[in-house]
């Protein structure tokens, strides 16, 4: 009788512990809305942008990337890429000085280049929970033409947008 009772206590302890862990994991997972915030609504339908092409401010592009070793950059990326990653360059024009946000649909290193100089970012963040945005980096930019260098991506395609935020 003691062995049976000890067995039942062990089973009950394991079941309670498992249920507690599952409940904690479910509580930690965010509750995502069925609709995406308006600022990210267009992320489901990006337009293709050719490597070296121009991405208009305020639009979303899907950039086809190449193996990192075969990409011609404006300047050497500030972070070296692993051999099995992808990279690409796209250009954009800023008509009015301000703060601009580069947002990516996946992880990659971001360099904004003007006149062969890499510019310093002013802020970094992950995309909002439940949004298609995985990374956001802000830059204070004067008017002019820029190159956006993406490097170290794990996929051969990446969604990207550049928007004025101030």
N, C-alpha and C. Protein backbone atom coordinates (compact mmCIF):
# COMPACT_ATOMS: atom_id res chain seq x y z
N UNK A 1 0.82 -1.18 0.00
CA UNK A 1 0.00 0.00 0.00
C UNK A 1 0.87 1.25 0.00
N UNK A 2 1.98 1.26 0.72
CA UNK A 2 2.85 2.43 0.77
C UNK A 2 3.44 2.72 -0.61
N UNK A 3 3.86 1.69 -1.33
CA UNK A 3 4.43 1.88 -2.66
C UNK A 3 3.41 2.51 -3.58
N UNK A 4 2.20 2.08 -3.53
CA UNK A 4 1.15 2.62 -4.37
C UNK A 4 0.87 4.07 -4.03
N UNK A 5 0.79 4.38 -2.77
CA UNK A 5 0.55 5.75 -2.34
C UNK A 5 1.71 6.65 -2.76
N UNK A 6 2.94 6.21 -2.58
CA UNK A 6 4.12 7.00 -2.99
C UNK A 6 4.11 7.22 -4.50
N UNK A 7 3.71 6.22 -5.25
CA UNK A 7 3.62 6.34 -6.71
C UNK A 7 2.61 7.40 -7.11
N UNK A 8 1.46 7.39 -6.45
CA UNK A 8 0.41 8.38 -6.75
C UNK A 8 0.87 9.79 -6.40
N UNK A 9 1.57 9.94 -5.32
CA UNK A 9 2.09 11.25 -4.92
C UNK A 9 3.08 11.74 -5.96
N UNK A 10 3.95 10.87 -6.43
CA UNK A 10 4.92 11.24 -7.46
C UNK A 10 4.22 11.66 -8.75
N UNK A 11 3.24 10.89 -9.19
CA UNK A 11 2.49 11.22 -10.41
C UNK A 11 1.79 12.56 -10.24
N UNK A 12 1.16 12.80 -9.13
CA UNK A 12 0.46 14.07 -8.89
C UNK A 12 1.45 15.24 -8.90
N UNK A 13 2.61 15.04 -8.30
CA UNK A 13 3.62 16.10 -8.26
C UNK A 13 4.11 16.44 -9.66
N UNK A 14 4.39 15.43 -10.48
CA UNK A 14 4.85 15.65 -11.85
C UNK A 14 3.77 16.34 -12.67
N UNK A 15 2.54 15.90 -12.54
CA UNK A 15 1.43 16.49 -13.31
C UNK A 15 1.23 17.96 -12.92
N UNK A 16 1.26 18.25 -11.62
CA UNK A 16 1.07 19.63 -11.17
C UNK A 16 2.21 20.51 -11.67
N UNK A 17 3.44 20.01 -11.58
CA UNK A 17 4.60 20.77 -12.04
C UNK A 17 4.53 21.04 -13.54
N UNK A 18 4.13 20.06 -14.34
CA UNK A 18 4.01 20.23 -15.79
C UNK A 18 2.92 21.24 -16.13
N UNK A 19 1.79 21.12 -15.47
CA UNK A 19 0.68 22.05 -15.72
C UNK A 19 1.09 23.48 -15.37
N UNK A 20 1.84 23.63 -14.27
CA UNK A 20 2.30 24.95 -13.85
C UNK A 20 3.24 25.56 -14.90
N UNK A 21 4.18 24.74 -15.44
CA UNK A 21 5.11 25.23 -16.47
C UNK A 21 4.37 25.63 -17.74
N UNK A 22 3.41 24.82 -18.18
CA UNK A 22 2.64 25.14 -19.39
C UNK A 22 1.87 26.44 -19.19
N UNK A 23 1.25 26.61 -18.04
CA UNK A 23 0.49 27.84 -17.76
C UNK A 23 1.42 29.05 -17.77
N UNK A 24 2.62 28.91 -17.22
CA UNK A 24 3.58 30.02 -17.20
C UNK A 24 4.03 30.38 -18.61
N UNK A 25 4.26 29.37 -19.45
CA UNK A 25 4.67 29.64 -20.83
C UNK A 25 3.56 30.34 -21.59
N UNK A 26 2.31 29.89 -21.41
CA UNK A 26 1.19 30.52 -22.09
C UNK A 26 1.00 31.96 -21.63
N UNK A 27 1.21 32.22 -20.36
CA UNK A 27 1.07 33.58 -19.84
C UNK A 27 2.15 34.49 -20.40
N UNK A 28 3.34 33.94 -20.66
CA UNK A 28 4.45 34.74 -21.16
C UNK A 28 4.29 35.07 -22.64
N UNK A 29 3.58 34.24 -23.41
CA UNK A 29 3.39 34.49 -24.84
C UNK A 29 2.45 35.67 -25.03
N UNK A 30 2.80 36.62 -25.92
CA UNK A 30 1.93 37.77 -26.12
C UNK A 30 0.64 37.38 -26.83
N UNK A 31 -0.38 38.10 -26.52
CA UNK A 31 -1.65 37.93 -27.20
C UNK A 31 -1.65 38.86 -28.41
N UNK A 32 -1.53 38.29 -29.60
CA UNK A 32 -1.40 39.10 -30.80
C UNK A 32 -2.77 39.40 -31.40
N UNK A 33 -2.97 40.65 -31.81
CA UNK A 33 -4.23 40.99 -32.45
C UNK A 33 -4.31 40.34 -33.83
N UNK A 34 -5.51 40.16 -34.34
CA UNK A 34 -5.66 39.55 -35.66
C UNK A 34 -5.35 40.55 -36.77
N UNK A 35 -5.37 41.83 -36.47
CA UNK A 35 -5.01 42.84 -37.46
C UNK A 35 -3.68 43.48 -37.08
N UNK A 36 -2.94 43.89 -38.09
CA UNK A 36 -1.64 44.51 -37.88
C UNK A 36 -1.82 46.02 -37.75
N UNK A 37 -1.02 46.67 -36.93
CA UNK A 37 -1.08 48.13 -36.78
C UNK A 37 -0.97 48.78 -38.16
N UNK A 38 -1.64 49.89 -38.36
CA UNK A 38 -1.69 50.56 -39.66
C UNK A 38 -0.32 50.84 -40.24
N UNK A 39 0.65 51.22 -39.40
CA UNK A 39 1.98 51.54 -39.91
C UNK A 39 2.70 50.33 -40.50
N UNK A 40 2.24 49.11 -40.18
CA UNK A 40 2.87 47.90 -40.70
C UNK A 40 1.95 47.11 -41.63
N UNK A 41 0.80 47.66 -41.98
CA UNK A 41 -0.16 46.95 -42.81
C UNK A 41 0.41 46.57 -44.17
N UNK A 42 1.21 47.44 -44.78
CA UNK A 42 1.78 47.16 -46.09
C UNK A 42 2.86 46.11 -46.09
N UNK A 43 3.28 45.65 -44.92
CA UNK A 43 4.37 44.68 -44.83
C UNK A 43 4.00 43.33 -45.39
N UNK A 44 2.74 43.09 -45.64
CA UNK A 44 2.35 41.79 -46.21
C UNK A 44 2.52 41.77 -47.73
N UNK A 45 2.71 42.95 -48.35
CA UNK A 45 2.81 43.01 -49.81
C UNK A 45 3.94 43.95 -50.26
N UNK A 46 5.19 43.58 -49.99
CA UNK A 46 6.29 44.45 -50.42
C UNK A 46 6.51 44.38 -51.93
N UNK A 47 6.97 45.48 -52.50
CA UNK A 47 7.31 45.52 -53.92
C UNK A 47 8.77 45.10 -54.08
N UNK A 48 9.07 44.42 -55.16
CA UNK A 48 10.45 44.00 -55.40
C UNK A 48 11.33 45.20 -55.71
N UNK A 49 12.53 45.20 -55.14
CA UNK A 49 13.51 46.24 -55.40
C UNK A 49 14.78 45.54 -55.88
N UNK A 50 15.27 45.94 -57.02
CA UNK A 50 16.48 45.34 -57.57
C UNK A 50 17.69 45.75 -56.74
N UNK A 51 18.66 44.85 -56.57
CA UNK A 51 19.89 45.25 -55.88
C UNK A 51 20.52 46.45 -56.58
N UNK A 52 20.91 47.45 -55.82
CA UNK A 52 21.45 48.68 -56.39
C UNK A 52 20.38 49.66 -56.83
N UNK A 53 19.11 49.23 -56.77
CA UNK A 53 18.00 50.09 -57.16
C UNK A 53 17.70 51.13 -56.10
N UNK A 54 16.63 51.88 -56.33
CA UNK A 54 16.23 52.95 -55.41
C UNK A 54 14.96 52.53 -54.67
N UNK A 55 14.99 52.67 -53.36
CA UNK A 55 13.83 52.42 -52.51
C UNK A 55 13.26 53.77 -52.09
N UNK A 56 12.06 54.12 -52.55
CA UNK A 56 11.47 55.41 -52.15
C UNK A 56 11.18 55.45 -50.65
N UNK A 57 11.40 56.60 -50.04
CA UNK A 57 11.08 56.81 -48.63
C UNK A 57 9.59 56.54 -48.44
N UNK A 58 9.25 55.82 -47.39
CA UNK A 58 7.85 55.55 -47.07
C UNK A 58 7.29 54.32 -47.75
N UNK A 59 8.09 53.63 -48.56
CA UNK A 59 7.59 52.42 -49.21
C UNK A 59 8.25 51.19 -48.60
N UNK A 60 7.70 50.05 -48.93
CA UNK A 60 8.25 48.78 -48.46
C UNK A 60 8.78 48.01 -49.66
N UNK A 61 10.01 47.56 -49.55
CA UNK A 61 10.59 46.78 -50.64
C UNK A 61 11.03 45.41 -50.18
N UNK A 62 11.03 44.49 -51.11
CA UNK A 62 11.58 43.17 -50.87
C UNK A 62 12.86 43.11 -51.70
N UNK A 63 13.98 43.07 -51.00
CA UNK A 63 15.28 43.13 -51.65
C UNK A 63 15.85 41.72 -51.78
N UNK A 64 16.17 41.35 -53.03
CA UNK A 64 16.84 40.07 -53.27
C UNK A 64 18.32 40.26 -52.90
N UNK A 65 18.81 39.43 -52.02
CA UNK A 65 20.19 39.52 -51.56
C UNK A 65 21.04 38.47 -52.26
N UNK A 66 22.35 38.68 -52.22
CA UNK A 66 23.30 37.74 -52.82
C UNK A 66 24.21 37.21 -51.72
N UNK A 67 24.91 36.09 -51.99
CA UNK A 67 25.89 35.65 -51.01
C UNK A 67 26.85 36.79 -50.69
N UNK A 68 27.10 37.01 -49.42
CA UNK A 68 27.87 38.17 -48.95
C UNK A 68 29.21 38.35 -49.65
N UNK A 69 29.90 37.25 -49.94
CA UNK A 69 31.22 37.35 -50.55
C UNK A 69 31.18 37.96 -51.95
N UNK A 70 30.04 37.92 -52.62
CA UNK A 70 29.95 38.43 -53.99
C UNK A 70 29.32 39.80 -54.13
N UNK A 71 29.11 40.52 -53.03
CA UNK A 71 28.44 41.82 -53.08
C UNK A 71 29.47 42.95 -53.12
N UNK A 72 29.23 43.92 -54.02
CA UNK A 72 30.08 45.13 -54.08
C UNK A 72 29.43 46.19 -53.22
N UNK A 73 30.08 46.51 -52.10
CA UNK A 73 29.58 47.51 -51.18
C UNK A 73 30.18 48.87 -51.50
N UNK A 74 29.50 49.94 -51.07
CA UNK A 74 30.04 51.29 -51.18
C UNK A 74 31.32 51.39 -50.33
N UNK A 75 31.23 50.87 -49.11
CA UNK A 75 32.37 50.79 -48.19
C UNK A 75 32.28 49.43 -47.50
N UNK A 76 33.36 48.99 -46.93
CA UNK A 76 33.35 47.72 -46.20
C UNK A 76 32.36 47.82 -45.04
N UNK A 77 31.45 46.84 -44.91
CA UNK A 77 30.50 46.87 -43.79
C UNK A 77 31.24 46.96 -42.45
N UNK A 78 30.62 47.64 -41.49
CA UNK A 78 31.25 47.83 -40.19
C UNK A 78 31.22 46.57 -39.34
N UNK A 79 30.48 45.55 -39.78
CA UNK A 79 30.48 44.26 -39.10
C UNK A 79 30.70 43.19 -40.16
N UNK A 80 31.71 42.37 -39.95
CA UNK A 80 32.02 41.32 -40.91
C UNK A 80 30.88 40.30 -40.97
N UNK A 81 30.61 39.80 -42.18
CA UNK A 81 29.55 38.81 -42.38
C UNK A 81 30.13 37.40 -42.38
N UNK A 82 29.37 36.47 -41.85
CA UNK A 82 29.75 35.07 -41.91
C UNK A 82 29.68 34.60 -43.36
N UNK A 83 30.41 33.56 -43.68
CA UNK A 83 30.52 33.07 -45.05
C UNK A 83 29.18 32.61 -45.63
N UNK A 84 28.29 32.10 -44.82
CA UNK A 84 27.03 31.55 -45.31
C UNK A 84 25.85 32.53 -45.21
N UNK A 85 26.12 33.83 -45.28
CA UNK A 85 25.06 34.84 -45.16
C UNK A 85 24.88 35.59 -46.47
N UNK A 86 23.88 36.46 -46.49
CA UNK A 86 23.51 37.21 -47.69
C UNK A 86 23.58 38.71 -47.42
N UNK A 87 23.82 39.47 -48.48
CA UNK A 87 23.95 40.92 -48.35
C UNK A 87 23.41 41.61 -49.59
N UNK A 88 23.22 42.93 -49.49
CA UNK A 88 22.78 43.71 -50.64
C UNK A 88 22.85 45.19 -50.35
N UNK A 89 22.74 45.97 -51.42
CA UNK A 89 22.79 47.43 -51.33
C UNK A 89 21.61 47.99 -52.10
N UNK A 90 20.97 48.98 -51.54
CA UNK A 90 19.90 49.72 -52.20
C UNK A 90 20.12 51.19 -51.91
N UNK A 91 19.68 52.04 -52.78
CA UNK A 91 19.87 53.48 -52.61
C UNK A 91 18.55 54.14 -52.21
N UNK A 92 18.65 55.29 -51.55
CA UNK A 92 17.45 56.06 -51.23
C UNK A 92 17.80 57.54 -51.17
N UNK A 93 16.80 58.37 -51.44
CA UNK A 93 16.98 59.82 -51.47
C UNK A 93 16.18 60.46 -50.34
N UNK A 94 16.83 61.37 -49.63
CA UNK A 94 16.18 62.14 -48.56
C UNK A 94 15.99 63.56 -49.08
N UNK A 95 14.73 63.99 -49.21
CA UNK A 95 14.43 65.34 -49.71
C UNK A 95 14.52 66.39 -48.61
N UNK A 96 14.17 65.99 -47.39
CA UNK A 96 14.13 66.94 -46.28
C UNK A 96 14.89 66.35 -45.09
N UNK A 97 15.78 67.12 -44.49
CA UNK A 97 16.54 66.65 -43.32
C UNK A 97 15.59 66.21 -42.21
N UNK A 98 15.98 65.16 -41.50
CA UNK A 98 15.16 64.67 -40.40
C UNK A 98 15.68 63.35 -39.88
N UNK A 99 14.90 62.72 -39.02
CA UNK A 99 15.24 61.40 -38.51
C UNK A 99 14.48 60.37 -39.31
N UNK A 100 15.22 59.38 -39.81
CA UNK A 100 14.64 58.34 -40.65
C UNK A 100 14.89 56.98 -40.03
N UNK A 101 13.90 56.11 -40.15
CA UNK A 101 13.98 54.77 -39.57
C UNK A 101 14.09 53.72 -40.68
N UNK A 102 15.12 52.89 -40.55
CA UNK A 102 15.26 51.72 -41.41
C UNK A 102 14.67 50.56 -40.64
N UNK A 103 13.70 49.87 -41.24
CA UNK A 103 13.07 48.73 -40.59
C UNK A 103 13.25 47.50 -41.48
N UNK A 104 13.58 46.39 -40.84
CA UNK A 104 13.82 45.14 -41.56
C UNK A 104 12.86 44.05 -41.10
N UNK A 105 12.51 43.17 -42.03
CA UNK A 105 11.67 42.03 -41.71
C UNK A 105 12.45 40.81 -41.21
N UNK A 106 13.74 40.97 -41.01
CA UNK A 106 14.58 39.89 -40.51
C UNK A 106 15.89 40.46 -40.03
N UNK A 107 16.69 39.64 -39.39
CA UNK A 107 17.97 40.14 -38.87
C UNK A 107 19.00 40.35 -39.97
N UNK A 108 19.71 41.46 -39.90
CA UNK A 108 20.83 41.79 -40.80
C UNK A 108 21.53 43.01 -40.21
N UNK A 109 22.78 43.21 -40.61
CA UNK A 109 23.51 44.38 -40.18
C UNK A 109 23.16 45.53 -41.11
N UNK A 110 22.96 46.73 -40.57
CA UNK A 110 22.56 47.91 -41.33
C UNK A 110 23.66 48.95 -41.29
N UNK A 111 24.09 49.39 -42.48
CA UNK A 111 24.98 50.54 -42.60
C UNK A 111 24.33 51.52 -43.57
N UNK A 112 24.23 52.77 -43.17
CA UNK A 112 23.79 53.84 -44.07
C UNK A 112 25.04 54.61 -44.44
N UNK A 113 25.26 54.78 -45.75
CA UNK A 113 26.49 55.37 -46.26
C UNK A 113 26.18 56.59 -47.12
N UNK A 114 26.95 57.66 -46.90
CA UNK A 114 26.87 58.84 -47.76
C UNK A 114 28.30 59.32 -48.00
N UNK A 115 28.62 59.60 -49.25
CA UNK A 115 29.96 60.07 -49.63
C UNK A 115 31.05 59.14 -49.08
N UNK A 116 30.80 57.84 -49.19
CA UNK A 116 31.76 56.81 -48.77
C UNK A 116 32.05 56.81 -47.27
N UNK A 117 31.13 57.36 -46.47
CA UNK A 117 31.27 57.36 -45.01
C UNK A 117 30.05 56.69 -44.39
N UNK A 118 30.31 55.79 -43.44
CA UNK A 118 29.22 55.14 -42.71
C UNK A 118 28.72 56.11 -41.65
N UNK A 119 27.42 56.31 -41.62
CA UNK A 119 26.83 57.25 -40.66
C UNK A 119 26.48 56.53 -39.36
N UNK A 120 26.52 57.27 -38.28
CA UNK A 120 26.22 56.73 -36.96
C UNK A 120 24.72 56.75 -36.73
N UNK A 121 24.19 55.64 -36.23
CA UNK A 121 22.76 55.57 -35.92
C UNK A 121 22.48 56.32 -34.62
N UNK A 122 21.21 56.69 -34.45
CA UNK A 122 20.80 57.42 -33.24
C UNK A 122 19.96 56.57 -32.29
N UNK A 123 19.42 55.46 -32.79
CA UNK A 123 18.60 54.57 -31.94
C UNK A 123 18.48 53.21 -32.60
N UNK A 124 18.28 52.20 -31.75
CA UNK A 124 18.09 50.81 -32.21
C UNK A 124 16.93 50.22 -31.44
N UNK A 125 16.15 49.35 -32.10
CA UNK A 125 15.06 48.66 -31.40
C UNK A 125 14.63 47.44 -32.19
N UNK A 126 13.97 46.54 -31.47
CA UNK A 126 13.30 45.42 -32.14
C UNK A 126 11.97 45.95 -32.62
N UNK A 127 11.38 45.28 -33.59
CA UNK A 127 10.06 45.67 -34.04
C UNK A 127 9.03 45.41 -32.96
N UNK A 128 7.87 46.04 -33.06
CA UNK A 128 6.82 45.82 -32.06
C UNK A 128 6.40 44.34 -32.02
N UNK A 129 6.02 43.87 -30.85
CA UNK A 129 5.55 42.51 -30.68
C UNK A 129 4.40 42.27 -31.66
N UNK A 130 4.39 41.13 -32.28
CA UNK A 130 3.35 40.69 -33.22
C UNK A 130 3.39 41.41 -34.56
N UNK A 131 4.40 42.22 -34.81
CA UNK A 131 4.50 42.88 -36.12
C UNK A 131 5.50 42.11 -36.97
N UNK A 132 5.47 42.34 -38.29
CA UNK A 132 6.45 41.68 -39.17
C UNK A 132 7.83 42.32 -39.10
N UNK A 133 7.97 43.40 -38.35
CA UNK A 133 9.25 44.10 -38.25
C UNK A 133 10.10 43.45 -37.17
N UNK A 134 11.33 43.10 -37.54
CA UNK A 134 12.23 42.44 -36.59
C UNK A 134 13.30 43.38 -36.05
N UNK A 135 13.65 44.42 -36.82
CA UNK A 135 14.73 45.31 -36.40
C UNK A 135 14.44 46.71 -36.92
N UNK A 136 14.74 47.72 -36.08
CA UNK A 136 14.58 49.12 -36.49
C UNK A 136 15.81 49.91 -36.04
N UNK A 137 16.34 50.73 -36.95
CA UNK A 137 17.50 51.56 -36.63
C UNK A 137 17.23 52.96 -37.18
N UNK A 138 17.43 53.98 -36.34
CA UNK A 138 17.17 55.37 -36.72
C UNK A 138 18.47 56.10 -37.05
N UNK A 139 18.34 57.05 -37.99
CA UNK A 139 19.47 57.88 -38.41
C UNK A 139 19.01 59.32 -38.58
N UNK A 140 19.81 60.29 -38.14
CA UNK A 140 19.56 61.71 -38.41
C UNK A 140 20.26 62.01 -39.73
N UNK A 141 19.45 62.35 -40.76
CA UNK A 141 20.01 62.50 -42.10
C UNK A 141 19.71 63.86 -42.70
N UNK A 142 20.73 64.51 -43.25
CA UNK A 142 20.47 65.71 -44.05
C UNK A 142 19.96 65.29 -45.42
N UNK A 143 19.45 66.22 -46.19
CA UNK A 143 18.98 65.91 -47.54
C UNK A 143 20.14 65.36 -48.36
N UNK A 144 19.84 64.41 -49.22
CA UNK A 144 20.87 63.85 -50.09
C UNK A 144 20.57 62.43 -50.50
N UNK A 145 21.50 61.81 -51.23
CA UNK A 145 21.39 60.42 -51.68
C UNK A 145 22.25 59.55 -50.77
N UNK A 146 21.72 58.38 -50.44
CA UNK A 146 22.36 57.45 -49.52
C UNK A 146 22.37 56.04 -50.10
N UNK A 147 23.28 55.25 -49.59
CA UNK A 147 23.29 53.81 -49.86
C UNK A 147 22.94 53.10 -48.55
N UNK A 148 22.03 52.18 -48.63
CA UNK A 148 21.69 51.33 -47.49
C UNK A 148 22.34 49.98 -47.75
N UNK A 149 23.30 49.63 -46.91
CA UNK A 149 23.99 48.35 -47.02
C UNK A 149 23.44 47.40 -45.97
N UNK A 150 22.96 46.26 -46.43
CA UNK A 150 22.49 45.21 -45.54
C UNK A 150 23.45 44.04 -45.66
N UNK A 151 23.91 43.52 -44.55
CA UNK A 151 24.85 42.41 -44.60
C UNK A 151 24.58 41.42 -43.47
N UNK A 152 25.05 40.20 -43.68
CA UNK A 152 24.92 39.18 -42.65
C UNK A 152 23.53 38.60 -42.49
N UNK A 153 22.66 38.74 -43.49
CA UNK A 153 21.31 38.18 -43.40
C UNK A 153 21.35 36.67 -43.56
N UNK A 154 20.45 35.98 -42.90
CA UNK A 154 20.38 34.52 -42.98
C UNK A 154 19.56 34.05 -44.17
N UNK A 155 18.79 34.96 -44.78
CA UNK A 155 17.94 34.60 -45.91
C UNK A 155 18.34 35.40 -47.15
N UNK A 156 17.95 34.89 -48.33
CA UNK A 156 18.33 35.52 -49.59
C UNK A 156 17.35 36.62 -50.00
N UNK A 157 16.39 36.92 -49.14
CA UNK A 157 15.42 37.98 -49.41
C UNK A 157 15.11 38.66 -48.09
N UNK A 158 14.88 39.97 -48.15
CA UNK A 158 14.61 40.70 -46.92
C UNK A 158 13.67 41.86 -47.22
N UNK A 159 12.63 42.02 -46.39
CA UNK A 159 11.75 43.18 -46.51
C UNK A 159 12.41 44.34 -45.79
N UNK A 160 12.33 45.53 -46.41
CA UNK A 160 12.97 46.72 -45.84
C UNK A 160 12.13 47.94 -46.14
N UNK A 161 12.07 48.85 -45.17
CA UNK A 161 11.43 50.15 -45.40
C UNK A 161 12.27 51.24 -44.76
N UNK A 162 12.14 52.43 -45.31
CA UNK A 162 12.79 53.61 -44.75
C UNK A 162 11.70 54.66 -44.63
N UNK A 163 11.46 55.13 -43.42
CA UNK A 163 10.39 56.10 -43.19
C UNK A 163 10.91 57.30 -42.38
N UNK A 164 10.32 58.44 -42.68
CA UNK A 164 10.62 59.65 -41.89
C UNK A 164 9.85 59.56 -40.59
N UNK A 165 10.53 59.74 -39.46
CA UNK A 165 9.82 59.69 -38.18
C UNK A 165 9.81 61.04 -37.47
N UNK A 166 10.71 61.98 -37.86
CA UNK A 166 10.73 63.34 -37.31
C UNK A 166 11.30 64.26 -38.35
